[in-house]
């Protein structure tokens, strides 16, 4: 689901609304 959304929206934008996915693996926020 993350990859699909990233393809539609830019990485920066997809990284913000999806912190639960990236934050879980790496502390982004």
Protein backbone atom coordinates (compact mmCIF):
# COMPACT_ATOMS: atom_id res chain seq x y z
CA UNK A 1 0.00 0.00 0.00
CA UNK A 2 2.89 2.35 0.80
CA UNK A 3 4.59 1.75 -2.55
CA UNK A 4 1.32 2.33 -4.39
CA UNK A 5 0.73 5.65 -2.64
CA UNK A 6 4.35 6.72 -3.10
CA UNK A 7 4.01 6.23 -6.86
CA UNK A 8 0.96 8.50 -6.94
CA UNK A 9 2.20 11.15 -4.52
CA UNK A 10 5.79 12.43 -4.13
CA UNK A 11 8.07 10.74 -1.60
CA UNK A 12 8.09 13.83 0.65
CA UNK A 13 4.30 13.97 0.73
CA UNK A 14 3.89 10.22 1.09
CA UNK A 15 6.44 10.22 3.90
CA UNK A 16 4.48 12.78 5.94
CA UNK A 17 1.00 11.22 5.87
CA UNK A 18 2.51 7.75 6.31
CA UNK A 19 4.75 8.23 9.38
CA UNK A 20 3.26 5.13 10.99
CA UNK A 21 4.93 3.09 8.25
CA UNK A 22 8.28 4.88 7.97
CA UNK A 23 8.37 5.98 11.61
CA UNK A 24 7.96 2.38 12.72
CA UNK A 25 11.09 1.29 10.82
CA UNK A 26 13.02 4.57 11.15
CA UNK A 27 12.35 7.51 13.48
CA UNK A 28 11.46 10.17 10.89
CA UNK A 29 9.29 12.47 13.00
